[in-house]
Amino acid sequence: MTSLIRQRLPAVAGILYSSAGFVLLMGIITAETKYPIFRHYTTRQEISDLGGTRPPHGLVTQPSAMIFNTTMLIAGVLLLAGAFALWRLYQNRVLTVVSALFGAGALGVGIFPGNTTPHPFVAMIAFVFSALTAIAAFRVTSAPFRFMSLSAGLLSLVALIAGELGDNSFVVKSIGIGGTERWVVFPIILWLAFFGGYLLASGRRMQPDRHGPAAVDGQGLRKLTHVR
């Protein structure tokens, strides 16, 4: 039974991470399309404005706010479950901690929208640890995906630093804080889909074949021997 559970862990983790990426992408797009036309929302605004703008105005528009906040809550739960699956799969503490904080940050964004005081803090947790999760995955995945994972995490982190520099950053002057924030978020959303696919493919490699026992190399998954 334990061996069977281990065989299915990559598939479970893959479904959780690819689903989180899908939910985030489609949820943000849907919330943007449902934003009232008279409010003139543009992609130069922060993504979190969909859930509520910063104080003191704290403007909340429906149904965009409900869609966006629900999206973050669902994604946060999926990411937290994914972090647990990664722990069972890789037993890597660094990856487990940063992925769990990524999920907690996403969940926090749904609980504390942009019009609340804690929002900047939980959003920063989500931003920082999403990038660190992609970077940490470099240690447990195999090439060529490990280099794609590292690149996505570093790109997101560099964009985050550029955003924090504000008007002192050429990037923010060029595409606005909203555009810069999308360079933080969307590489991670794409990474979630790719990582989910990588895990699902790894799960297939772990399945026993007709020719005898199968094992997976130690680069990405722990070696598992299957008895017919």
C-alpha atoms as a PDB file:
ATOM      1  CA  MET A   1       0.000   0.000   0.000  1.00  0.00           C
ATOM      2  CA  THR A   2       2.828   2.400   0.871  1.00  0.00           C
ATOM      3  CA  SER A   3       4.482   1.691  -2.468  1.00  0.00           C
ATOM      4  CA  LEU A   4       1.209   2.376  -4.281  1.00  0.00           C
ATOM      5  CA  ILE A   5       0.812   5.732  -2.511  1.00  0.00           C
ATOM      6  CA  ARG A   6       4.353   6.723  -3.472  1.00  0.00           C
ATOM      7  CA  GLN A   7       3.665   5.796  -7.074  1.00  0.00           C
ATOM      8  CA  ARG A   8       0.679   8.131  -7.161  1.00  0.00           C
ATOM      9  CA  LEU A   9       2.249  11.080  -5.339  1.00  0.00           C
ATOM     10  CA  PRO A  10       3.716  12.673  -8.505  1.00  0.00           C
ATOM     11  CA  ALA A  11       0.311  12.532 -10.197  1.00  0.00           C
ATOM     12  CA  VAL A  12      -1.420  14.057  -7.166  1.00  0.00           C
ATOM     13  CA  ALA A  13       1.181  16.820  -6.847  1.00  0.00           C
ATOM     14  CA  GLY A  14       1.074  17.429 -10.604  1.00  0.00           C
ATOM     15  CA  ILE A  15      -2.695  17.819 -10.634  1.00  0.00           C
ATOM     16  CA  LEU A  16      -2.591  20.186  -7.643  1.00  0.00           C
ATOM     17  CA  TYR A  17       0.071  22.471  -9.141  1.00  0.00           C
ATOM     18  CA  SER A  18      -1.281  22.542 -12.686  1.00  0.00           C
ATOM     19  CA  SER A  19      -4.782  23.188 -11.292  1.00  0.00           C
ATOM     20  CA  ALA A  20      -3.465  26.078  -9.195  1.00  0.00           C
ATOM     21  CA  GLY A  21      -1.897  27.620 -12.294  1.00  0.00           C
ATOM     22  CA  PHE A  22      -5.116  27.200 -14.280  1.00  0.00           C
ATOM     23  CA  VAL A  23      -7.256  28.690 -11.499  1.00  0.00           C
ATOM     24  CA  LEU A  24      -4.961  31.712 -11.105  1.00  0.00           C
ATOM     25  CA  LEU A  25      -4.742  32.461 -14.826  1.00  0.00           C
ATOM     26  CA  MET A  26      -8.431  32.082 -15.608  1.00  0.00           C
ATOM     27  CA  GLY A  27      -9.552  33.711 -12.365  1.00  0.00           C
ATOM     28  CA  ILE A  28      -7.489  36.845 -12.986  1.00  0.00           C
ATOM     29  CA  ILE A  29      -8.623  37.056 -16.615  1.00  0.00           C
ATOM     30  CA  THR A  30     -12.280  36.599 -15.643  1.00  0.00           C
ATOM     31  CA  ALA A  31     -12.068  39.187 -12.857  1.00  0.00           C
ATOM     32  CA  GLU A  32     -10.534  41.667 -15.318  1.00  0.00           C
ATOM     33  CA  THR A  33     -13.311  41.114 -17.860  1.00  0.00           C
ATOM     34  CA  LYS A  34     -16.009  41.597 -15.208  1.00  0.00           C
ATOM     35  CA  TYR A  35     -14.505  44.813 -13.866  1.00  0.00           C
ATOM     36  CA  PRO A  36     -17.033  47.629 -14.467  1.00  0.00           C
ATOM     37  CA  ILE A  37     -16.214  49.543 -17.643  1.00  0.00           C
ATOM     38  CA  PHE A  38     -16.843  52.904 -16.004  1.00  0.00           C
ATOM     39  CA  ARG A  39     -14.019  52.216 -13.513  1.00  0.00           C
ATOM     40  CA  HIS A  40     -11.510  52.072 -16.399  1.00  0.00           C
ATOM     41  CA  TYR A  41      -9.357  49.245 -15.016  1.00  0.00           C
ATOM     42  CA  THR A  42      -6.152  48.745 -16.998  1.00  0.00           C
ATOM     43  CA  THR A  43      -3.283  46.292 -16.795  1.00  0.00           C
ATOM     44  CA  ARG A  44      -1.060  49.154 -15.626  1.00  0.00           C
ATOM     45  CA  GLN A  45      -2.878  48.835 -12.298  1.00  0.00           C
ATOM     46  CA  GLU A  46      -1.899  46.289  -9.667  1.00  0.00           C
ATOM     47  CA  ILE A  47      -3.522  42.883 -10.028  1.00  0.00           C
ATOM     48  CA  SER A  48      -4.784  43.146  -6.445  1.00  0.00           C
ATOM     49  CA  ASP A  49      -6.911  46.144  -7.432  1.00  0.00           C
ATOM     50  CA  LEU A  50      -9.347  43.548  -8.719  1.00  0.00           C
ATOM     51  CA  GLY A  51     -10.046  42.581  -5.120  1.00  0.00           C
ATOM     52  CA  GLY A  52      -9.898  46.118  -3.740  1.00  0.00           C
ATOM     53  CA  THR A  53      -7.745  49.213  -4.164  1.00  0.00           C
ATOM     54  CA  ARG A  54      -5.329  50.452  -1.533  1.00  0.00           C
ATOM     55  CA  PRO A  55      -6.498  52.552   1.420  1.00  0.00           C
ATOM     56  CA  PRO A  56      -7.582  55.238   2.040  1.00  0.00           C
ATOM     57  CA  HIS A  57     -10.003  54.925  -0.872  1.00  0.00           C
ATOM     58  CA  GLY A  58     -10.336  51.138  -0.614  1.00  0.00           C
ATOM     59  CA  LEU A  59     -12.542  50.837  -3.674  1.00  0.00           C
ATOM     60  CA  VAL A  60     -14.185  47.404  -4.024  1.00  0.00           C
ATOM     61  CA  THR A  61     -16.010  46.593  -7.247  1.00  0.00           C
ATOM     62  CA  GLN A  62     -18.220  43.583  -7.809  1.00  0.00           C
ATOM     63  CA  PRO A  63     -18.315  40.969  -9.181  1.00  0.00           C
ATOM     64  CA  SER A  64     -14.571  41.328  -9.855  1.00  0.00           C
ATOM     65  CA  ALA A  65     -13.663  41.389  -6.171  1.00  0.00           C
ATOM     66  CA  MET A  66     -15.591  38.213  -5.409  1.00  0.00           C
ATOM     67  CA  ILE A  67     -14.089  36.409  -8.414  1.00  0.00           C
ATOM     68  CA  PHE A  68     -10.539  37.485  -7.628  1.00  0.00           C
ATOM     69  CA  ASN A  69     -10.696  36.776  -3.894  1.00  0.00           C
ATOM     70  CA  THR A  70     -12.293  33.369  -4.471  1.00  0.00           C
ATOM     71  CA  THR A  71      -9.597  32.608  -7.036  1.00  0.00           C
ATOM     72  CA  MET A  72      -6.866  33.334  -4.507  1.00  0.00           C
ATOM     73  CA  LEU A  73      -8.554  31.268  -1.802  1.00  0.00           C
ATOM     74  CA  ILE A  74      -8.891  28.240  -4.075  1.00  0.00           C
ATOM     75  CA  ALA A  75      -5.345  28.608  -5.397  1.00  0.00           C
ATOM     76  CA  GLY A  76      -4.007  28.956  -1.856  1.00  0.00           C
ATOM     77  CA  VAL A  77      -5.646  25.720  -0.754  1.00  0.00           C
ATOM     78  CA  LEU A  78      -4.360  23.881  -3.841  1.00  0.00           C
ATOM     79  CA  LEU A  79      -0.829  25.201  -3.261  1.00  0.00           C
ATOM     80  CA  LEU A  80      -0.822  24.231   0.415  1.00  0.00           C
ATOM     81  CA  ALA A  81      -1.976  20.728  -0.491  1.00  0.00           C
ATOM     82  CA  GLY A  82       0.701  20.671  -3.192  1.00  0.00           C
ATOM     83  CA  ALA A  83       3.363  21.632  -0.646  1.00  0.00           C
ATOM     84  CA  PHE A  84       2.356  18.661   1.512  1.00  0.00           C
ATOM     85  CA  ALA A  85       2.508  16.364  -1.517  1.00  0.00           C
ATOM     86  CA  LEU A  86       5.985  17.687  -2.352  1.00  0.00           C
ATOM     87  CA  TRP A  87       7.148  16.922   1.171  1.00  0.00           C
ATOM     88  CA  ARG A  88       5.923  13.342   0.889  1.00  0.00           C
ATOM     89  CA  LEU A  89       7.502  13.042  -2.539  1.00  0.00           C
ATOM     90  CA  TYR A  90      10.920  14.688  -2.156  1.00  0.00           C
ATOM     91  CA  GLN A  91      11.481  15.038   1.606  1.00  0.00           C
ATOM     92  CA  ASN A  92      13.237  18.336   0.862  1.00  0.00           C
ATOM     93  CA  ARG A  93      12.753  20.786   3.729  1.00  0.00           C
ATOM     94  CA  VAL A  94      13.718  23.930   1.842  1.00  0.00           C
ATOM     95  CA  LEU A  95      11.285  23.208  -0.996  1.00  0.00           C
ATOM     96  CA  THR A  96       8.550  22.257   1.463  1.00  0.00           C
ATOM     97  CA  VAL A  97       8.909  25.436   3.537  1.00  0.00           C
ATOM     98  CA  VAL A  98       9.019  27.882   0.611  1.00  0.00           C
ATOM     99  CA  SER A  99       6.157  26.137  -1.219  1.00  0.00           C
ATOM    100  CA  ALA A 100       4.022  26.143   1.943  1.00  0.00           C
ATOM    101  CA  LEU A 101       4.686  29.866   2.435  1.00  0.00           C
ATOM    102  CA  PHE A 102       3.786  30.437  -1.221  1.00  0.00           C
ATOM    103  CA  GLY A 103       0.439  28.756  -0.615  1.00  0.00           C
ATOM    104  CA  ALA A 104      -0.101  30.627   2.651  1.00  0.00           C
ATOM    105  CA  GLY A 105       0.639  33.936   0.932  1.00  0.00           C
ATOM    106  CA  ALA A 106      -1.828  33.231  -1.877  1.00  0.00           C
ATOM    107  CA  LEU A 107      -4.467  32.228   0.667  1.00  0.00           C
ATOM    108  CA  GLY A 108      -3.733  35.406   2.622  1.00  0.00           C
ATOM    109  CA  VAL A 109      -4.313  37.547  -0.466  1.00  0.00           C
ATOM    110  CA  GLY A 110      -7.790  36.034  -0.755  1.00  0.00           C
ATOM    111  CA  ILE A 111      -8.504  36.632   2.939  1.00  0.00           C
ATOM    112  CA  PHE A 112      -7.030  40.147   3.014  1.00  0.00           C
ATOM    113  CA  PRO A 113      -7.877  41.931  -0.295  1.00  0.00           C
ATOM    114  CA  GLY A 114      -6.077  45.020  -1.550  1.00  0.00           C
ATOM    115  CA  ASN A 115      -8.296  47.369   0.471  1.00  0.00           C
ATOM    116  CA  THR A 116      -7.148  45.905   3.816  1.00  0.00           C
ATOM    117  CA  THR A 117      -4.088  46.803   5.896  1.00  0.00           C
ATOM    118  CA  PRO A 118      -2.472  43.312   5.992  1.00  0.00           C
ATOM    119  CA  HIS A 119      -2.636  42.943   2.204  1.00  0.00           C
ATOM    120  CA  PRO A 120       0.830  44.323   1.309  1.00  0.00           C
ATOM    121  CA  PHE A 121       2.423  41.930   3.808  1.00  0.00           C
ATOM    122  CA  VAL A 122       0.650  38.759   2.610  1.00  0.00           C
ATOM    123  CA  ALA A 123       1.088  39.767  -1.044  1.00  0.00           C
ATOM    124  CA  MET A 124       4.839  40.142  -0.509  1.00  0.00           C
ATOM    125  CA  ILE A 125       4.937  36.670   1.060  1.00  0.00           C
ATOM    126  CA  ALA A 126       3.189  35.267  -2.015  1.00  0.00           C
ATOM    127  CA  PHE A 127       5.515  37.101  -4.414  1.00  0.00           C
ATOM    128  CA  VAL A 128       8.786  36.247  -2.699  1.00  0.00           C
ATOM    129  CA  PHE A 129       8.074  32.620  -1.908  1.00  0.00           C
ATOM    130  CA  SER A 130       6.491  31.846  -5.263  1.00  0.00           C
ATOM    131  CA  ALA A 131       9.781  32.804  -6.912  1.00  0.00           C
ATOM    132  CA  LEU A 132      11.779  30.913  -4.275  1.00  0.00           C
ATOM    133  CA  THR A 133       9.631  27.817  -4.821  1.00  0.00           C
ATOM    134  CA  ALA A 134      10.496  27.777  -8.517  1.00  0.00           C
ATOM    135  CA  ILE A 135      14.174  28.311  -7.656  1.00  0.00           C
ATOM    136  CA  ALA A 136      14.152  25.587  -4.973  1.00  0.00           C
ATOM    137  CA  ALA A 137      12.596  23.117  -7.417  1.00  0.00           C
ATOM    138  CA  PHE A 138      15.924  23.261  -9.271  1.00  0.00           C
ATOM    139  CA  ARG A 139      17.353  21.024  -6.541  1.00  0.00           C
ATOM    140  CA  VAL A 140      14.903  18.152  -7.014  1.00  0.00           C
ATOM    141  CA  THR A 141      14.058  18.187 -10.718  1.00  0.00           C
ATOM    142  CA  SER A 142      16.049  17.014 -13.707  1.00  0.00           C
ATOM    143  CA  ALA A 143      17.242  18.816 -16.842  1.00  0.00           C
ATOM    144  CA  PRO A 144      16.005  20.498 -18.934  1.00  0.00           C
ATOM    145  CA  PHE A 145      13.068  21.416 -16.677  1.00  0.00           C
ATOM    146  CA  ARG A 146      15.277  22.331 -13.735  1.00  0.00           C
ATOM    147  CA  PHE A 147      16.827  25.171 -15.760  1.00  0.00           C
ATOM    148  CA  MET A 148      13.388  26.377 -16.886  1.00  0.00           C
ATOM    149  CA  SER A 149      12.309  26.373 -13.235  1.00  0.00           C
ATOM    150  CA  LEU A 150      15.360  28.329 -12.133  1.00  0.00           C
ATOM    151  CA  SER A 151      14.889  30.866 -14.951  1.00  0.00           C
ATOM    152  CA  ALA A 152      11.212  31.441 -14.112  1.00  0.00           C
ATOM    153  CA  GLY A 153      11.990  31.974 -10.436  1.00  0.00           C
ATOM    154  CA  LEU A 154      14.861  34.363 -11.100  1.00  0.00           C
ATOM    155  CA  LEU A 155      12.833  36.344 -13.645  1.00  0.00           C
ATOM    156  CA  SER A 156       9.992  36.750 -11.163  1.00  0.00           C
ATOM    157  CA  LEU A 157      12.400  37.779  -8.415  1.00  0.00           C
ATOM    158  CA  VAL A 158      14.151  40.364 -10.607  1.00  0.00           C
ATOM    159  CA  ALA A 159      10.774  41.825 -11.622  1.00  0.00           C
ATOM    160  CA  LEU A 160       9.775  42.005  -7.954  1.00  0.00           C
ATOM    161  CA  ILE A 161      12.940  43.935  -7.099  1.00  0.00           C
ATOM    162  CA  ALA A 162      12.296  46.289 -10.040  1.00  0.00           C
ATOM    163  CA  GLY A 163       8.777  46.855  -8.773  1.00  0.00           C
ATOM    164  CA  GLU A 164       9.990  47.640  -5.262  1.00  0.00           C
ATOM    165  CA  LEU A 165      12.287  50.310  -6.692  1.00  0.00           C
ATOM    166  CA  GLY A 166       9.186  52.117  -7.935  1.00  0.00           C
ATOM    167  CA  ASP A 167       9.773  55.153 -10.120  1.00  0.00           C
ATOM    168  CA  ASN A 168      13.503  54.643  -9.706  1.00  0.00           C
ATOM    169  CA  SER A 169      13.146  51.582 -11.914  1.00  0.00           C
ATOM    170  CA  PHE A 170      13.193  51.873 -15.699  1.00  0.00           C
ATOM    171  CA  VAL A 171      10.797  48.914 -15.854  1.00  0.00           C
ATOM    172  CA  VAL A 172       8.128  50.648 -13.759  1.00  0.00           C
ATOM    173  CA  LYS A 173       8.518  53.874 -15.731  1.00  0.00           C
ATOM    174  CA  SER A 174       8.096  51.911 -18.941  1.00  0.00           C
ATOM    175  CA  ILE A 175       5.161  49.559 -18.214  1.00  0.00           C
ATOM    176  CA  GLY A 176       3.782  50.824 -14.911  1.00  0.00           C
ATOM    177  CA  ILE A 177       3.559  49.059 -11.571  1.00  0.00           C
ATOM    178  CA  GLY A 178       0.774  46.835 -12.913  1.00  0.00           C
ATOM    179  CA  GLY A 179       2.834  45.712 -15.876  1.00  0.00           C
ATOM    180  CA  THR A 180       5.823  45.061 -13.627  1.00  0.00           C
ATOM    181  CA  GLU A 181       3.682  43.067 -11.216  1.00  0.00           C
ATOM    182  CA  ARG A 182       2.505  40.883 -14.081  1.00  0.00           C
ATOM    183  CA  TRP A 183       6.152  40.070 -14.831  1.00  0.00           C
ATOM    184  CA  VAL A 184       6.315  38.871 -11.228  1.00  0.00           C
ATOM    185  CA  VAL A 185       3.120  36.830 -11.322  1.00  0.00           C
ATOM    186  CA  PHE A 186       2.696  35.408 -14.815  1.00  0.00           C
ATOM    187  CA  PRO A 187       6.075  33.625 -15.051  1.00  0.00           C
ATOM    188  CA  ILE A 188       5.056  31.787 -11.864  1.00  0.00           C
ATOM    189  CA  ILE A 189       1.621  30.929 -13.223  1.00  0.00           C
ATOM    190  CA  LEU A 190       3.275  29.454 -16.320  1.00  0.00           C
ATOM    191  CA  TRP A 191       5.766  27.660 -14.089  1.00  0.00           C
ATOM    192  CA  LEU A 192       2.919  26.089 -12.111  1.00  0.00           C
ATOM    193  CA  ALA A 193       1.498  24.614 -15.305  1.00  0.00           C
ATOM    194  CA  PHE A 194       4.926  23.375 -16.440  1.00  0.00           C
ATOM    195  CA  PHE A 195       5.789  21.963 -13.014  1.00  0.00           C
ATOM    196  CA  GLY A 196       2.470  20.163 -12.867  1.00  0.00           C
ATOM    197  CA  GLY A 197       3.177  18.640 -16.269  1.00  0.00           C
ATOM    198  CA  TYR A 198       6.678  17.629 -15.163  1.00  0.00           C
ATOM    199  CA  LEU A 199       5.298  15.865 -12.095  1.00  0.00           C
ATOM    200  CA  LEU A 200       2.608  14.077 -14.091  1.00  0.00           C
ATOM    201  CA  ALA A 201       5.210  12.862 -16.580  1.00  0.00           C
ATOM    202  CA  SER A 202       7.426  11.734 -13.693  1.00  0.00           C
ATOM    203  CA  GLY A 203       4.524   9.737 -12.323  1.00  0.00           C
ATOM    204  CA  ARG A 204       4.156   7.897 -15.617  1.00  0.00           C
ATOM    205  CA  ARG A 205       7.847   6.993 -15.583  1.00  0.00           C
ATOM    206  CA  MET A 206       7.342   5.446 -12.164  1.00  0.00           C
ATOM    207  CA  GLN A 207       4.688   3.005 -13.373  1.00  0.00           C
ATOM    208  CA  PRO A 208       5.879  -0.603 -13.761  1.00  0.00           C
ATOM    209  CA  ASP A 209       6.082  -1.867 -17.333  1.00  0.00           C
ATOM    210  CA  ARG A 210       5.594  -5.295 -18.834  1.00  0.00           C
ATOM    211  CA  HIS A 211       9.296  -5.945 -19.130  1.00  0.00           C
ATOM    212  CA  GLY A 212      10.186  -5.833 -15.474  1.00  0.00           C
ATOM    213  CA  PRO A 213      10.740  -3.572 -12.471  1.00  0.00           C
ATOM    214  CA  ALA A 214      10.991   0.161 -13.118  1.00  0.00           C
ATOM    215  CA  ALA A 215      12.952   2.795 -11.213  1.00  0.00           C
ATOM    216  CA  VAL A 216      13.337   6.522 -11.462  1.00  0.00           C
ATOM    217  CA  ASP A 217      16.647   8.313 -11.212  1.00  0.00           C
ATOM    218  CA  GLY A 218      17.480  10.187  -8.015  1.00  0.00           C
ATOM    219  CA  GLN A 219      17.646  13.595  -9.732  1.00  0.00           C
ATOM    220  CA  GLY A 220      13.935  14.247  -9.546  1.00  0.00           C
ATOM    221  CA  LEU A 221      12.256  11.418  -7.641  1.00  0.00           C
ATOM    222  CA  ARG A 222      13.443   8.942  -5.047  1.00  0.00           C
ATOM    223  CA  LYS A 223      14.287   5.579  -6.542  1.00  0.00           C
ATOM    224  CA  LEU A 224      11.370   3.222  -6.272  1.00  0.00           C
ATOM    225  CA  THR A 225      11.421  -0.447  -7.174  1.00  0.00           C
ATOM    226  CA  HIS A 226       8.177  -2.088  -8.225  1.00  0.00           C
ATOM    227  CA  VAL A 227       7.441  -5.757  -7.743  1.00  0.00           C
ATOM    228  CA  ARG A 228       5.197  -7.418 -10.239  1.00  0.00           C
END
